[in-house]
Amino acid sequence: MSMSFFRISGILETISTISLFFIAMPLKYIGGNEILVKIIGPIHGFLFILYCALVWWEQHKGRMSSNLAILGMASAIPPGGPIWFDRKYLKDSNLQE
């Protein structure tokens, strides 16, 4: 797996989280319109699972320690977490380009 694919998945996961938390959910609970949650929710779910699977894959292949993988998966929860994780811990990583 290339590092660029891993980074892109983290960026897309972040965009989907921010879209869900700060656009779709307020429109649902404040505006009463849940269409965006029905659209963005499943996309976010797929991207979240994809990102966590890629973290697991890198750990499974020995390119990421178990502790770093746990931190990587936990970082997928808050908005912007995957980007923070990439910049803080993977900047000089041995993950192949």
PDB file of N, CA and C in Angstrom:
ATOM      1  N   MET A   1       0.846  -1.175   0.000  1.00  0.00           N
ATOM      2  CA  MET A   1       0.000   0.000   0.000  1.00  0.00           C
ATOM      3  C   MET A   1       0.886   1.231   0.000  1.00  0.00           C
ATOM      4  N   SER A   2       0.513   2.209  -0.736  1.00  0.00           N
ATOM      5  CA  SER A   2       1.323   3.412  -0.767  1.00  0.00           C
ATOM      6  C   SER A   2       0.896   4.357   0.348  1.00  0.00           C
ATOM      7  N   MET A   3       1.864   5.130   0.796  1.00  0.00           N
ATOM      8  CA  MET A   3       1.591   6.106   1.840  1.00  0.00           C
ATOM      9  C   MET A   3       0.596   7.159   1.359  1.00  0.00           C
ATOM     10  N   SER A   4       0.647   7.494   0.081  1.00  0.00           N
ATOM     11  CA  SER A   4      -0.278   8.503  -0.424  1.00  0.00           C
ATOM     12  C   SER A   4      -1.732   8.014  -0.326  1.00  0.00           C
ATOM     13  N   PHE A   5      -1.994   6.738  -0.571  1.00  0.00           N
ATOM     14  CA  PHE A   5      -3.347   6.192  -0.422  1.00  0.00           C
ATOM     15  C   PHE A   5      -3.789   6.271   1.030  1.00  0.00           C
ATOM     16  N   PHE A   6      -2.881   5.957   1.941  1.00  0.00           N
ATOM     17  CA  PHE A   6      -3.176   6.030   3.373  1.00  0.00           C
ATOM     18  C   PHE A   6      -3.503   7.474   3.758  1.00  0.00           C
ATOM     19  N   ARG A   7      -2.701   8.415   3.297  1.00  0.00           N
ATOM     20  CA  ARG A   7      -2.933   9.833   3.604  1.00  0.00           C
ATOM     21  C   ARG A   7      -4.249  10.322   3.005  1.00  0.00           C
ATOM     22  N   ILE A   8      -4.520   9.941   1.773  1.00  0.00           N
ATOM     23  CA  ILE A   8      -5.768  10.352   1.128  1.00  0.00           C
ATOM     24  C   ILE A   8      -6.975   9.797   1.885  1.00  0.00           C
ATOM     25  N   SER A   9      -6.885   8.552   2.333  1.00  0.00           N
ATOM     26  CA  SER A   9      -8.001   7.974   3.095  1.00  0.00           C
ATOM     27  C   SER A   9      -8.217   8.743   4.393  1.00  0.00           C
ATOM     28  N   GLY A  10      -7.137   9.185   5.040  1.00  0.00           N
ATOM     29  CA  GLY A  10      -7.263   9.981   6.259  1.00  0.00           C
ATOM     30  C   GLY A  10      -7.881  11.341   6.000  1.00  0.00           C
ATOM     31  N   ILE A  11      -7.503  11.970   4.903  1.00  0.00           N
ATOM     32  CA  ILE A  11      -8.069  13.269   4.539  1.00  0.00           C
ATOM     33  C   ILE A  11      -9.555  13.134   4.225  1.00  0.00           C
ATOM     34  N   LEU A  12      -9.916  12.107   3.457  1.00  0.00           N
ATOM     35  CA  LEU A  12     -11.326  11.893   3.126  1.00  0.00           C
ATOM     36  C   LEU A  12     -12.151  11.557   4.362  1.00  0.00           C
ATOM     37  N   GLU A  13     -11.575  10.781   5.270  1.00  0.00           N
ATOM     38  CA  GLU A  13     -12.278  10.450   6.511  1.00  0.00           C
ATOM     39  C   GLU A  13     -12.506  11.718   7.322  1.00  0.00           C
ATOM     40  N   THR A  14     -11.507  12.583   7.374  1.00  0.00           N
ATOM     41  CA  THR A  14     -11.642  13.850   8.092  1.00  0.00           C
ATOM     42  C   THR A  14     -12.725  14.723   7.478  1.00  0.00           C
ATOM     43  N   ILE A  15     -12.738  14.833   6.163  1.00  0.00           N
ATOM     44  CA  ILE A  15     -13.754  15.642   5.487  1.00  0.00           C
ATOM     45  C   ILE A  15     -15.150  15.087   5.770  1.00  0.00           C
ATOM     46  N   SER A  16     -15.283  13.767   5.735  1.00  0.00           N
ATOM     47  CA  SER A  16     -16.601  13.182   5.992  1.00  0.00           C
ATOM     48  C   SER A  16     -17.037  13.399   7.440  1.00  0.00           C
ATOM     49  N   THR A  17     -16.103  13.318   8.390  1.00  0.00           N
ATOM     50  CA  THR A  17     -16.445  13.545   9.799  1.00  0.00           C
ATOM     51  C   THR A  17     -16.892  14.987  10.016  1.00  0.00           C
ATOM     52  N   ILE A  18     -16.121  15.925   9.485  1.00  0.00           N
ATOM     53  CA  ILE A  18     -16.469  17.338   9.640  1.00  0.00           C
ATOM     54  C   ILE A  18     -17.816  17.631   8.971  1.00  0.00           C
ATOM     55  N   SER A  19     -18.030  17.075   7.788  1.00  0.00           N
ATOM     56  CA  SER A  19     -19.308  17.276   7.092  1.00  0.00           C
ATOM     57  C   SER A  19     -20.474  16.717   7.896  1.00  0.00           C
ATOM     58  N   LEU A  20     -20.280  15.534   8.460  1.00  0.00           N
ATOM     59  CA  LEU A  20     -21.347  14.904   9.233  1.00  0.00           C
ATOM     60  C   LEU A  20     -21.615  15.671  10.525  1.00  0.00           C
ATOM     61  N   PHE A  21     -20.553  15.958  11.297  1.00  0.00           N
ATOM     62  CA  PHE A  21     -20.725  16.590  12.609  1.00  0.00           C
ATOM     63  C   PHE A  21     -21.169  18.044  12.528  1.00  0.00           C
ATOM     64  N   PHE A  22     -20.642  18.783  11.556  1.00  0.00           N
ATOM     65  CA  PHE A  22     -20.850  20.231  11.558  1.00  0.00           C
ATOM     66  C   PHE A  22     -21.783  20.754  10.470  1.00  0.00           C
ATOM     67  N   ILE A  23     -22.211  19.886   9.566  1.00  0.00           N
ATOM     68  CA  ILE A  23     -23.172  20.320   8.542  1.00  0.00           C
ATOM     69  C   ILE A  23     -24.439  19.467   8.623  1.00  0.00           C
ATOM     70  N   ALA A  24     -24.290  18.159   8.420  1.00  0.00           N
ATOM     71  CA  ALA A  24     -25.465  17.286   8.320  1.00  0.00           C
ATOM     72  C   ALA A  24     -26.227  17.159   9.639  1.00  0.00           C
ATOM     73  N   MET A  25     -25.512  16.923  10.741  1.00  0.00           N
ATOM     74  CA  MET A  25     -26.213  16.734  12.021  1.00  0.00           C
ATOM     75  C   MET A  25     -26.906  18.009  12.505  1.00  0.00           C
ATOM     76  N   PRO A  26     -26.270  19.182  12.408  1.00  0.00           N
ATOM     77  CA  PRO A  26     -27.016  20.392  12.783  1.00  0.00           C
ATOM     78  C   PRO A  26     -28.261  20.619  11.910  1.00  0.00           C
ATOM     79  N   LEU A  27     -28.141  20.322  10.613  1.00  0.00           N
ATOM     80  CA  LEU A  27     -29.318  20.465   9.760  1.00  0.00           C
ATOM     81  C   LEU A  27     -30.428  19.502  10.174  1.00  0.00           C
ATOM     82  N   LYS A  28     -30.042  18.333  10.646  1.00  0.00           N
ATOM     83  CA  LYS A  28     -31.044  17.358  11.078  1.00  0.00           C
ATOM     84  C   LYS A  28     -31.696  17.787  12.390  1.00  0.00           C
ATOM     85  N   TYR A  29     -30.872  18.131  13.390  1.00  0.00           N
ATOM     86  CA  TYR A  29     -31.421  18.379  14.717  1.00  0.00           C
ATOM     87  C   TYR A  29     -31.905  19.807  14.936  1.00  0.00           C
ATOM     88  N   ILE A  30     -31.377  20.759  14.192  1.00  0.00           N
ATOM     89  CA  ILE A  30     -31.843  22.137  14.325  1.00  0.00           C
ATOM     90  C   ILE A  30     -32.832  22.477  13.214  1.00  0.00           C
ATOM     91  N   GLY A  31     -32.517  22.044  12.002  1.00  0.00           N
ATOM     92  CA  GLY A  31     -33.359  22.393  10.860  1.00  0.00           C
ATOM     93  C   GLY A  31     -34.427  21.383  10.526  1.00  0.00           C
ATOM     94  N   GLY A  32     -34.347  20.189  11.098  1.00  0.00           N
ATOM     95  CA  GLY A  32     -35.364  19.178  10.831  1.00  0.00           C
ATOM     96  C   GLY A  32     -35.230  18.501   9.479  1.00  0.00           C
ATOM     97  N   ASN A  33     -34.087  18.655   8.817  1.00  0.00           N
ATOM     98  CA  ASN A  33     -33.876  18.052   7.504  1.00  0.00           C
ATOM     99  C   ASN A  33     -32.775  17.007   7.615  1.00  0.00           C
ATOM    100  N   GLU A  34     -33.165  15.750   7.481  1.00  0.00           N
ATOM    101  CA  GLU A  34     -32.193  14.674   7.705  1.00  0.00           C
ATOM    102  C   GLU A  34     -31.608  14.071   6.426  1.00  0.00           C
ATOM    103  N   ILE A  35     -31.844  14.669   5.286  1.00  0.00           N
ATOM    104  CA  ILE A  35     -31.376  14.087   4.030  1.00  0.00           C
ATOM    105  C   ILE A  35     -29.850  13.993   3.965  1.00  0.00           C
ATOM    106  N   LEU A  36     -29.150  15.018   4.450  1.00  0.00           N
ATOM    107  CA  LEU A  36     -27.690  14.969   4.395  1.00  0.00           C
ATOM    108  C   LEU A  36     -27.115  13.888   5.307  1.00  0.00           C
ATOM    109  N   VAL A  37     -27.769  13.651   6.435  1.00  0.00           N
ATOM    110  CA  VAL A  37     -27.307  12.572   7.318  1.00  0.00           C
ATOM    111  C   VAL A  37     -27.459  11.228   6.617  1.00  0.00           C
ATOM    112  N   LYS A  38     -28.545  11.068   5.872  1.00  0.00           N
ATOM    113  CA  LYS A  38     -28.765   9.815   5.144  1.00  0.00           C
ATOM    114  C   LYS A  38     -27.760   9.622   4.020  1.00  0.00           C
ATOM    115  N   ILE A  39     -27.234  10.710   3.481  1.00  0.00           N
ATOM    116  CA  ILE A  39     -26.247  10.628   2.402  1.00  0.00           C
ATOM    117  C   ILE A  39     -24.826  10.536   2.962  1.00  0.00           C
ATOM    118  N   ILE A  40     -24.466  11.479   3.840  1.00  0.00           N
ATOM    119  CA  ILE A  40     -23.101  11.555   4.351  1.00  0.00           C
ATOM    120  C   ILE A  40     -22.809  10.458   5.368  1.00  0.00           C
ATOM    121  N   GLY A  41     -23.809  10.057   6.137  1.00  0.00           N
ATOM    122  CA  GLY A  41     -23.604   9.043   7.181  1.00  0.00           C
ATOM    123  C   GLY A  41     -22.994   7.746   6.667  1.00  0.00           C
ATOM    124  N   PRO A  42     -23.580   7.111   5.663  1.00  0.00           N
ATOM    125  CA  PRO A  42     -22.992   5.873   5.142  1.00  0.00           C
ATOM    126  C   PRO A  42     -21.625   6.079   4.485  1.00  0.00           C
ATOM    127  N   ILE A  43     -21.438   7.223   3.837  1.00  0.00           N
ATOM    128  CA  ILE A  43     -20.133   7.513   3.235  1.00  0.00           C
ATOM    129  C   ILE A  43     -19.087   7.626   4.334  1.00  0.00           C
ATOM    130  N   HIS A  44     -19.436   8.350   5.397  1.00  0.00           N
ATOM    131  CA  HIS A  44     -18.516   8.484   6.529  1.00  0.00           C
ATOM    132  C   HIS A  44     -18.232   7.115   7.156  1.00  0.00           C
ATOM    133  N   GLY A  45     -19.249   6.306   7.314  1.00  0.00           N
ATOM    134  CA  GLY A  45     -19.060   4.971   7.893  1.00  0.00           C
ATOM    135  C   GLY A  45     -18.085   4.139   7.073  1.00  0.00           C
ATOM    136  N   PHE A  46     -18.244   4.176   5.764  1.00  0.00           N
ATOM    137  CA  PHE A  46     -17.331   3.440   4.891  1.00  0.00           C
ATOM    138  C   PHE A  46     -15.906   3.956   5.021  1.00  0.00           C
ATOM    139  N   LEU A  47     -15.735   5.287   4.993  1.00  0.00           N
ATOM    140  CA  LEU A  47     -14.394   5.867   5.072  1.00  0.00           C
ATOM    141  C   LEU A  47     -13.749   5.620   6.429  1.00  0.00           C
ATOM    142  N   PHE A  48     -14.537   5.641   7.508  1.00  0.00           N
ATOM    143  CA  PHE A  48     -14.033   5.349   8.846  1.00  0.00           C
ATOM    144  C   PHE A  48     -13.504   3.916   8.915  1.00  0.00           C
ATOM    145  N   ILE A  49     -14.297   2.972   8.413  1.00  0.00           N
ATOM    146  CA  ILE A  49     -13.888   1.566   8.424  1.00  0.00           C
ATOM    147  C   ILE A  49     -12.678   1.353   7.523  1.00  0.00           C
ATOM    148  N   LEU A  50     -12.658   1.998   6.359  1.00  0.00           N
ATOM    149  CA  LEU A  50     -11.515   1.897   5.460  1.00  0.00           C
ATOM    150  C   LEU A  50     -10.241   2.400   6.144  1.00  0.00           C
ATOM    151  N   TYR A  51     -10.319   3.555   6.791  1.00  0.00           N
ATOM    152  CA  TYR A  51      -9.142   4.117   7.454  1.00  0.00           C
ATOM    153  C   TYR A  51      -8.649   3.175   8.563  1.00  0.00           C
ATOM    154  N   CYS A  52      -9.564   2.693   9.389  1.00  0.00           N
ATOM    155  CA  CYS A  52      -9.166   1.769  10.463  1.00  0.00           C
ATOM    156  C   CYS A  52      -8.584   0.480   9.890  1.00  0.00           C
ATOM    157  N   ALA A  53      -9.139  -0.010   8.794  1.00  0.00           N
ATOM    158  CA  ALA A  53      -8.608  -1.218   8.151  1.00  0.00           C
ATOM    159  C   ALA A  53      -7.207  -0.978   7.607  1.00  0.00           C
ATOM    160  N   LEU A  54      -6.966   0.202   7.064  1.00  0.00           N
ATOM    161  CA  LEU A  54      -5.632   0.517   6.553  1.00  0.00           C
ATOM    162  C   LEU A  54      -4.621   0.649   7.689  1.00  0.00           C
ATOM    163  N   VAL A  55      -5.041   1.214   8.810  1.00  0.00           N
ATOM    164  CA  VAL A  55      -4.155   1.266   9.981  1.00  0.00           C
ATOM    165  C   VAL A  55      -3.823  -0.160  10.418  1.00  0.00           C
ATOM    166  N   TRP A  56      -4.864  -1.003  10.516  1.00  0.00           N
ATOM    167  CA  TRP A  56      -4.626  -2.395  10.908  1.00  0.00           C
ATOM    168  C   TRP A  56      -3.682  -3.082   9.921  1.00  0.00           C
ATOM    169  N   TRP A  57      -3.880  -2.852   8.633  1.00  0.00           N
ATOM    170  CA  TRP A  57      -3.052  -3.476   7.604  1.00  0.00           C
ATOM    171  C   TRP A  57      -1.585  -3.092   7.779  1.00  0.00           C
ATOM    172  N   GLU A  58      -1.330  -1.819   8.026  1.00  0.00           N
ATOM    173  CA  GLU A  58       0.045  -1.365   8.214  1.00  0.00           C
ATOM    174  C   GLU A  58       0.656  -2.001   9.458  1.00  0.00           C
ATOM    175  N   GLN A  59      -0.135  -2.154  10.509  1.00  0.00           N
ATOM    176  CA  GLN A  59       0.361  -2.814  11.722  1.00  0.00           C
ATOM    177  C   GLN A  59       0.597  -4.294  11.454  1.00  0.00           C
ATOM    178  N   HIS A  60      -0.319  -4.910  10.743  1.00  0.00           N
ATOM    179  CA  HIS A  60      -0.211  -6.335  10.419  1.00  0.00           C
ATOM    180  C   HIS A  60       1.042  -6.622   9.588  1.00  0.00           C
ATOM    181  N   LYS A  61       1.380  -5.712   8.687  1.00  0.00           N
ATOM    182  CA  LYS A  61       2.558  -5.875   7.834  1.00  0.00           C
ATOM    183  C   LYS A  61       3.854  -5.484   8.549  1.00  0.00           C
ATOM    184  N   GLY A  62       3.753  -5.037   9.794  1.00  0.00           N
ATOM    185  CA  GLY A  62       4.940  -4.700  10.571  1.00  0.00           C
ATOM    186  C   GLY A  62       5.498  -3.319  10.309  1.00  0.00           C
ATOM    187  N   ARG A  63       4.737  -2.482   9.620  1.00  0.00           N
ATOM    188  CA  ARG A  63       5.217  -1.127   9.321  1.00  0.00           C
ATOM    189  C   ARG A  63       4.751  -0.109  10.353  1.00  0.00           C
ATOM    190  N   MET A  64       3.975  -0.591  11.340  1.00  0.00           N
ATOM    191  CA  MET A  64       3.464   0.279  12.389  1.00  0.00           C
ATOM    192  C   MET A  64       3.372  -0.547  13.663  1.00  0.00           C
ATOM    193  N   SER A  65       3.821  -0.005  14.776  1.00  0.00           N
ATOM    194  CA  SER A  65       3.752  -0.741  16.044  1.00  0.00           C
ATOM    195  C   SER A  65       2.294  -0.865  16.491  1.00  0.00           C
ATOM    196  N   SER A  66       2.043  -1.790  17.394  1.00  0.00           N
ATOM    197  CA  SER A  66       0.681  -1.987  17.907  1.00  0.00           C
ATOM    198  C   SER A  66       0.177  -0.736  18.613  1.00  0.00           C
ATOM    199  N   ASN A  67       1.039  -0.118  19.430  1.00  0.00           N
ATOM    200  CA  ASN A  67       0.615   1.098  20.135  1.00  0.00           C
ATOM    201  C   ASN A  67       0.301   2.226  19.170  1.00  0.00           C
ATOM    202  N   LEU A  68       1.101   2.362  18.137  1.00  0.00           N
ATOM    203  CA  LEU A  68       0.858   3.401  17.140  1.00  0.00           C
ATOM    204  C   LEU A  68      -0.431   3.110  16.364  1.00  0.00           C
ATOM    205  N   ALA A  69      -0.696   1.848  16.093  1.00  0.00           N
ATOM    206  CA  ALA A  69      -1.933   1.474  15.394  1.00  0.00           C
ATOM    207  C   ALA A  69      -3.159   1.791  16.249  1.00  0.00           C
ATOM    208  N   ILE A  70      -3.081   1.521  17.531  1.00  0.00           N
ATOM    209  CA  ILE A  70      -4.201   1.847  18.429  1.00  0.00           C
ATOM    210  C   ILE A  70      -4.430   3.354  18.436  1.00  0.00           C
ATOM    211  N   LEU A  71      -3.350   4.120  18.516  1.00  0.00           N
ATOM    212  CA  LEU A  71      -3.469   5.569  18.480  1.00  0.00           C
ATOM    213  C   LEU A  71      -4.043   6.028  17.135  1.00  0.00           C
ATOM    214  N   GLY A  72      -3.625   5.388  16.051  1.00  0.00           N
ATOM    215  CA  GLY A  72      -4.140   5.732  14.729  1.00  0.00           C
ATOM    216  C   GLY A  72      -5.626   5.482  14.609  1.00  0.00           C
ATOM    217  N   MET A  73      -6.083   4.358  15.134  1.00  0.00           N
ATOM    218  CA  MET A  73      -7.519   4.058  15.084  1.00  0.00           C
ATOM    219  C   MET A  73      -8.311   5.007  15.974  1.00  0.00           C
ATOM    220  N   ALA A  74      -7.774   5.308  17.154  1.00  0.00           N
ATOM    221  CA  ALA A  74      -8.457   6.249  18.049  1.00  0.00           C
ATOM    222  C   ALA A  74      -8.502   7.646  17.447  1.00  0.00           C
ATOM    223  N   SER A  75      -7.492   7.989  16.667  1.00  0.00           N
ATOM    224  CA  SER A  75      -7.462   9.321  16.061  1.00  0.00           C
ATOM    225  C   SER A  75      -8.529   9.487  14.983  1.00  0.00           C
ATOM    226  N   ALA A  76      -9.109   8.401  14.531  1.00  0.00           N
ATOM    227  CA  ALA A  76     -10.170   8.490  13.518  1.00  0.00           C
ATOM    228  C   ALA A  76     -11.481   8.988  14.113  1.00  0.00           C
ATOM    229  N   ILE A  77     -11.587   9.047  15.418  1.00  0.00           N
ATOM    230  CA  ILE A  77     -12.848   9.438  16.053  1.00  0.00           C
ATOM    231  C   ILE A  77     -13.066  10.953  16.042  1.00  0.00           C
ATOM    232  N   PRO A  78     -12.122  11.769  16.524  1.00  0.00           N
ATOM    233  CA  PRO A  78     -12.390  13.211  16.493  1.00  0.00           C
ATOM    234  C   PRO A  78     -12.182  13.809  15.102  1.00  0.00           C
ATOM    235  N   PRO A  79     -12.907  14.875  14.792  1.00  0.00           N
ATOM    236  CA  PRO A  79     -12.696  15.533  13.502  1.00  0.00           C
ATOM    237  C   PRO A  79     -11.246  16.016  13.367  1.00  0.00           C
ATOM    238  N   GLY A  80     -10.633  15.690  12.267  1.00  0.00           N
ATOM    239  CA  GLY A  80      -9.251  16.088  12.026  1.00  0.00           C
ATOM    240  C   GLY A  80      -8.219  15.142  12.600  1.00  0.00           C
ATOM    241  N   GLY A  81      -8.654  14.115  13.284  1.00  0.00           N
ATOM    242  CA  GLY A  81      -7.730  13.184  13.921  1.00  0.00           C
ATOM    243  C   GLY A  81      -6.773  12.489  12.977  1.00  0.00           C
ATOM    244  N   PRO A  82      -7.244  11.958  11.848  1.00  0.00           N
ATOM    245  CA  PRO A  82      -6.312  11.298  10.934  1.00  0.00           C
ATOM    246  C   PRO A  82      -5.228  12.218  10.376  1.00  0.00           C
ATOM    247  N   ILE A  83      -5.579  13.477  10.136  1.00  0.00           N
ATOM    248  CA  ILE A  83      -4.579  14.420   9.636  1.00  0.00           C
ATOM    249  C   ILE A  83      -3.565  14.720  10.731  1.00  0.00           C
ATOM    250  N   TRP A  84      -4.041  14.927  11.960  1.00  0.00           N
ATOM    251  CA  TRP A  84      -3.150  15.144  13.101  1.00  0.00           C
ATOM    252  C   TRP A  84      -2.222  13.938  13.280  1.00  0.00           C
ATOM    253  N   PHE A  85      -2.780  12.732  13.227  1.00  0.00           N
ATOM    254  CA  PHE A  85      -1.995  11.506  13.395  1.00  0.00           C
ATOM    255  C   PHE A  85      -0.921  11.407  12.322  1.00  0.00           C
ATOM    256  N   ASP A  86      -1.284  11.695  11.099  1.00  0.00           N
ATOM    257  CA  ASP A  86      -0.326  11.625   9.997  1.00  0.00           C
ATOM    258  C   ASP A  86       0.806  12.632  10.196  1.00  0.00           C
ATOM    259  N   ARG A  87       0.459  13.848  10.525  1.00  0.00           N
ATOM    260  CA  ARG A  87       1.491  14.881  10.666  1.00  0.00           C
ATOM    261  C   ARG A  87       2.358  14.683  11.898  1.00  0.00           C
ATOM    262  N   LYS A  88       1.776  14.203  12.975  1.00  0.00           N
ATOM    263  CA  LYS A  88       2.525  14.057  14.229  1.00  0.00           C
ATOM    264  C   LYS A  88       3.363  12.787  14.256  1.00  0.00           C
ATOM    265  N   TYR A  89       2.810  11.670  13.761  1.00  0.00           N
ATOM    266  CA  TYR A  89       3.466  10.382  13.947  1.00  0.00           C
ATOM    267  C   TYR A  89       3.990   9.736  12.668  1.00  0.00           C
ATOM    268  N   LEU A  90       3.464  10.108  11.523  1.00  0.00           N
ATOM    269  CA  LEU A  90       3.852   9.420  10.305  1.00  0.00           C
ATOM    270  C   LEU A  90       4.675  10.277   9.340  1.00  0.00           C
ATOM    271  N   LYS A  91       5.005  11.467   9.748  1.00  0.00           N
ATOM    272  CA  LYS A  91       5.732  12.387   8.866  1.00  0.00           C
ATOM    273  C   LYS A  91       7.009  11.742   8.321  1.00  0.00           C
ATOM    274  N   ASP A  92       7.772  11.090   9.167  1.00  0.00           N
ATOM    275  CA  ASP A  92       9.016  10.437   8.757  1.00  0.00           C
ATOM    276  C   ASP A  92       8.876   8.922   8.880  1.00  0.00           C
ATOM    277  N   SER A  93       7.737   8.424   8.494  1.00  0.00           N
ATOM    278  CA  SER A  93       7.421   7.015   8.679  1.00  0.00           C
ATOM    279  C   SER A  93       8.151   6.103   7.705  1.00  0.00           C
ATOM    280  N   ASN A  94       8.205   4.827   8.094  1.00  0.00           N
ATOM    281  CA  ASN A  94       8.760   3.819   7.197  1.00  0.00           C
ATOM    282  C   ASN A  94       7.689   3.214   6.290  1.00  0.00           C
ATOM    283  N   LEU A  95       6.477   3.776   6.316  1.00  0.00           N
ATOM    284  CA  LEU A  95       5.451   3.310   5.387  1.00  0.00           C
ATOM    285  C   LEU A  95       5.910   3.667   3.984  1.00  0.00           C
ATOM    286  N   GLN A  96       5.793   2.740   3.089  1.00  0.00           N
ATOM    287  CA  GLN A  96       6.360   2.920   1.755  1.00  0.00           C
ATOM    288  C   GLN A  96       5.568   3.961   0.965  1.00  0.00           C
ATOM    289  N   GLU A  97       6.301   4.772   0.234  1.00  0.00           N
ATOM    290  CA  GLU A  97       5.671   5.756  -0.645  1.00  0.00           C
ATOM    291  C   GLU A  97       5.117   5.090  -1.878  1.00  0.00           C
TER     292      GLU A  97
END
